[in-house]
N, C-alpha and C. Protein backbone atom coordinates (compact mmCIF):
# COMPACT_ATOMS: atom_id res chain seq x y z
N MET A 1 107.50 134.33 80.59
CA MET A 1 108.53 135.27 79.69
C MET A 1 109.60 134.57 80.21
N ILE A 2 110.66 134.43 79.71
CA ILE A 2 111.96 134.20 79.78
C ILE A 2 112.83 135.42 80.36
N PRO A 3 113.58 135.74 81.46
CA PRO A 3 114.48 136.46 81.82
C PRO A 3 115.50 137.01 80.52
N PRO A 4 115.80 138.01 80.29
CA PRO A 4 116.74 138.40 79.47
C PRO A 4 118.07 137.71 79.36
N ARG A 5 118.31 137.48 80.52
CA ARG A 5 119.81 136.92 81.11
C ARG A 5 119.81 135.30 80.41
N PHE A 6 119.10 134.58 80.15
CA PHE A 6 118.95 133.50 79.46
C PHE A 6 118.74 133.67 77.91
N ALA A 7 118.83 135.17 76.95
CA ALA A 7 118.81 135.05 75.75
C ALA A 7 119.58 133.96 75.04
N PRO A 8 121.17 134.20 75.68
CA PRO A 8 122.04 133.44 74.70
C PRO A 8 121.99 131.94 74.61
N ALA A 9 121.27 131.41 75.72
CA ALA A 9 121.43 129.95 75.94
C ALA A 9 119.87 129.40 75.44
N VAL A 10 118.97 130.10 75.27
CA VAL A 10 117.80 130.18 74.81
C VAL A 10 117.97 130.56 72.92
N PHE A 11 118.70 131.23 72.52
CA PHE A 11 118.99 131.47 71.29
C PHE A 11 119.94 130.06 70.66
N GLY A 12 120.72 129.68 71.53
CA GLY A 12 121.77 128.49 71.06
C GLY A 12 120.90 127.26 71.14
N PHE A 13 119.60 127.16 72.06
CA PHE A 13 118.78 125.91 72.09
C PHE A 13 118.01 126.16 70.83
N VAL A 14 117.34 127.19 70.23
CA VAL A 14 116.29 127.38 69.26
C VAL A 14 116.98 126.92 68.34
N LEU A 15 118.86 127.44 67.95
CA LEU A 15 119.49 127.78 66.71
C LEU A 15 120.19 126.25 66.30
N SER A 16 120.09 125.46 67.52
CA SER A 16 120.90 124.19 67.14
C SER A 16 119.93 122.86 67.24
N ALA A 17 118.54 123.47 67.42
CA ALA A 17 117.72 122.49 67.17
C ALA A 17 117.24 122.77 65.70
N LEU A 18 116.95 123.80 65.48
CA LEU A 18 116.69 124.25 63.81
C LEU A 18 117.49 123.60 62.96
N MET A 19 118.61 124.08 63.13
CA MET A 19 119.76 123.42 62.37
C MET A 19 120.13 122.06 62.42
N SER A 20 119.99 121.55 63.49
CA SER A 20 120.25 120.07 63.24
C SER A 20 119.24 119.08 62.73
N PHE A 21 117.95 119.74 62.80
CA PHE A 21 116.66 119.42 62.37
C PHE A 21 116.85 119.37 60.45
N VAL A 22 117.33 120.56 60.37
CA VAL A 22 117.75 120.67 58.72
C VAL A 22 118.64 119.79 57.95
N VAL A 23 119.77 119.85 58.67
CA VAL A 23 121.17 119.12 58.67
C VAL A 23 120.60 117.36 58.47
N SER A 24 120.10 116.83 59.27
CA SER A 24 119.90 115.33 59.91
C SER A 24 118.60 115.22 58.63
N GLY A 25 118.07 115.91 58.32
CA GLY A 25 116.91 115.56 57.35
C GLY A 25 117.23 115.54 55.87
N VAL A 26 118.13 116.36 55.73
CA VAL A 26 119.08 116.58 54.37
C VAL A 26 119.92 115.12 54.24
N ALA A 27 120.57 114.93 55.47
CA ALA A 27 121.70 113.90 55.49
C ALA A 27 120.84 112.34 55.35
N THR A 28 119.75 112.45 56.08
CA THR A 28 118.98 110.95 55.94
C THR A 28 118.04 110.92 54.53
N LEU A 29 117.78 112.21 54.13
CA LEU A 29 117.33 111.75 52.74
C LEU A 29 118.22 111.35 52.04
N ARG A 30 119.46 112.13 51.98
CA ARG A 30 120.67 111.71 51.05
C ARG A 30 120.81 109.95 51.10
N ASN A 31 120.89 110.09 52.43
CA ASN A 31 121.13 108.35 52.53
C ASN A 31 120.21 107.43 52.41
N ALA A 32 118.88 107.45 52.91
CA ALA A 32 118.21 106.51 52.80
C ALA A 32 117.06 106.73 51.54
N GLY A 33 116.92 108.06 51.20
CA GLY A 33 116.26 108.26 50.09
C GLY A 33 114.83 108.48 50.36
N PRO A 34 113.58 108.74 49.90
CA PRO A 34 112.51 109.01 50.17
C PRO A 34 111.76 107.48 50.51
N VAL A 35 112.12 106.45 51.50
CA VAL A 35 111.47 105.69 51.95
C VAL A 35 110.42 105.68 52.61
N ASP A 36 109.54 104.74 53.06
CA ASP A 36 108.69 104.48 53.92
C ASP A 36 109.03 104.61 55.58
N GLY A 37 109.04 105.47 56.33
CA GLY A 37 109.15 105.57 57.32
C GLY A 37 110.41 106.13 57.41
N PHE A 38 110.50 107.43 56.67
CA PHE A 38 111.26 108.32 56.93
C PHE A 38 111.24 109.06 57.65
N ALA A 39 110.23 109.52 58.03
CA ALA A 39 110.01 110.47 59.24
C ALA A 39 110.45 109.82 60.56
N GLY A 40 110.36 108.59 60.54
CA GLY A 40 111.23 107.98 62.11
C GLY A 40 112.69 108.24 61.77
N LEU A 41 113.10 107.54 60.71
CA LEU A 41 114.73 107.73 60.48
C LEU A 41 114.96 108.79 60.59
N TRP A 42 114.25 110.08 59.99
CA TRP A 42 114.84 111.89 60.30
C TRP A 42 115.08 111.91 62.07
N ILE A 43 113.89 111.65 62.76
CA ILE A 43 113.69 112.50 63.85
C ILE A 43 114.91 111.01 64.91
N GLY A 44 114.84 109.86 64.22
CA GLY A 44 116.14 109.26 65.05
C GLY A 44 117.49 109.89 65.02
N ALA A 45 117.84 110.51 63.83
CA ALA A 45 119.01 110.75 63.34
C ALA A 45 119.17 112.41 64.21
N TRP A 46 118.05 113.02 64.05
CA TRP A 46 118.12 114.09 64.75
C TRP A 46 118.25 114.44 66.56
N LEU A 47 117.40 113.39 66.66
CA LEU A 47 117.52 113.95 68.02
C LEU A 47 118.90 113.68 68.95
N PRO A 48 119.32 112.45 68.76
CA PRO A 48 121.18 112.76 68.81
C PRO A 48 121.97 113.90 68.48
N SER A 49 121.89 114.75 66.99
CA SER A 49 122.70 115.42 66.69
C SER A 49 122.03 116.42 67.14
N TRP A 50 121.17 116.55 67.67
CA TRP A 50 120.68 118.30 69.01
C TRP A 50 121.23 117.85 69.91
N LEU A 51 121.68 117.05 70.71
CA LEU A 51 122.01 116.58 71.92
C LEU A 51 123.39 117.27 71.57
N ILE A 52 124.04 116.80 70.47
CA ILE A 52 125.44 117.04 70.51
C ILE A 52 125.44 118.51 70.05
N ALA A 53 124.61 119.09 69.35
CA ALA A 53 124.80 120.73 68.83
C ALA A 53 124.81 121.50 69.90
N PHE A 54 123.55 121.37 70.84
CA PHE A 54 123.43 122.47 71.27
C PHE A 54 124.37 122.48 72.53
N PRO A 55 125.03 121.87 73.01
CA PRO A 55 126.02 122.69 73.60
C PRO A 55 127.44 122.97 72.97
N VAL A 56 127.87 122.19 71.76
CA VAL A 56 128.63 122.86 70.88
C VAL A 56 128.42 124.31 70.21
N VAL A 57 127.03 124.65 70.39
CA VAL A 57 126.67 125.85 70.04
C VAL A 57 126.91 126.81 71.07
N LEU A 58 126.78 126.49 72.00
CA LEU A 58 126.64 127.14 73.17
C LEU A 58 128.38 127.33 73.59
N VAL A 59 129.38 126.38 73.19
CA VAL A 59 130.96 126.85 73.35
C VAL A 59 131.41 127.48 72.02
N VAL A 60 130.67 127.10 70.54
CA VAL A 60 131.66 127.97 69.48
C VAL A 60 130.82 129.11 69.24
N ALA A 61 129.81 129.73 69.49
CA ALA A 61 128.89 131.41 69.52
C ALA A 61 130.25 131.90 69.83
N PRO A 62 130.57 132.28 70.72
CA PRO A 62 131.20 133.27 71.20
C PRO A 62 132.39 133.39 70.67
N VAL A 63 133.11 132.00 70.33
CA VAL A 63 134.30 132.36 69.36
C VAL A 63 133.73 132.87 68.23
N ALA A 64 132.98 132.30 67.49
CA ALA A 64 132.42 133.14 66.12
C ALA A 64 132.14 134.51 66.20
N ARG A 65 131.53 134.61 67.13
CA ARG A 65 131.10 136.00 67.67
C ARG A 65 132.64 137.26 67.45
N ARG A 66 133.28 136.61 68.05
CA ARG A 66 134.91 137.14 68.05
C ARG A 66 135.42 137.44 66.62
N ILE A 67 135.09 136.22 66.09
CA ILE A 67 135.75 136.26 64.63
C ILE A 67 135.12 137.23 63.73
N VAL A 68 133.85 137.23 63.96
CA VAL A 68 132.84 138.31 63.10
C VAL A 68 133.44 139.45 63.56
N GLY A 69 133.28 139.47 65.00
CA GLY A 69 133.86 141.03 65.54
C GLY A 69 135.21 141.81 64.77
N ALA A 70 136.12 140.35 64.47
CA ALA A 70 137.38 141.18 63.67
C ALA A 70 137.35 141.13 62.23
N MET A 71 136.23 140.72 61.71
CA MET A 71 136.24 140.84 60.10
C MET A 71 135.47 142.02 59.89
N VAL A 72 134.77 142.54 60.77
CA VAL A 72 133.70 143.65 60.78
C VAL A 72 134.02 145.17 61.27
N ARG A 73 134.00 146.26 60.43
CA ARG A 73 135.00 147.48 60.58
C ARG A 73 133.58 148.05 61.72
N ASN A 74 134.49 148.53 62.73
CA ASN A 74 133.33 149.13 63.34
C ASN A 74 133.10 151.05 62.80
């Protein structure tokens, strides 16, 4: 089991993986269409996008939390 202090990083890892997977799939489908080898194209687009998305999520998540905190009534 992972110690609780790593929860924000693990959350960012999982969130960035899922979001980049879905977004790259939609973008690949829109650009290439349902062609033979679509899965390979999708994975080829997803892996580099995930490498970018993970550190971006780690940096942007605290900013988003602060913005949401300012918008939500206590």
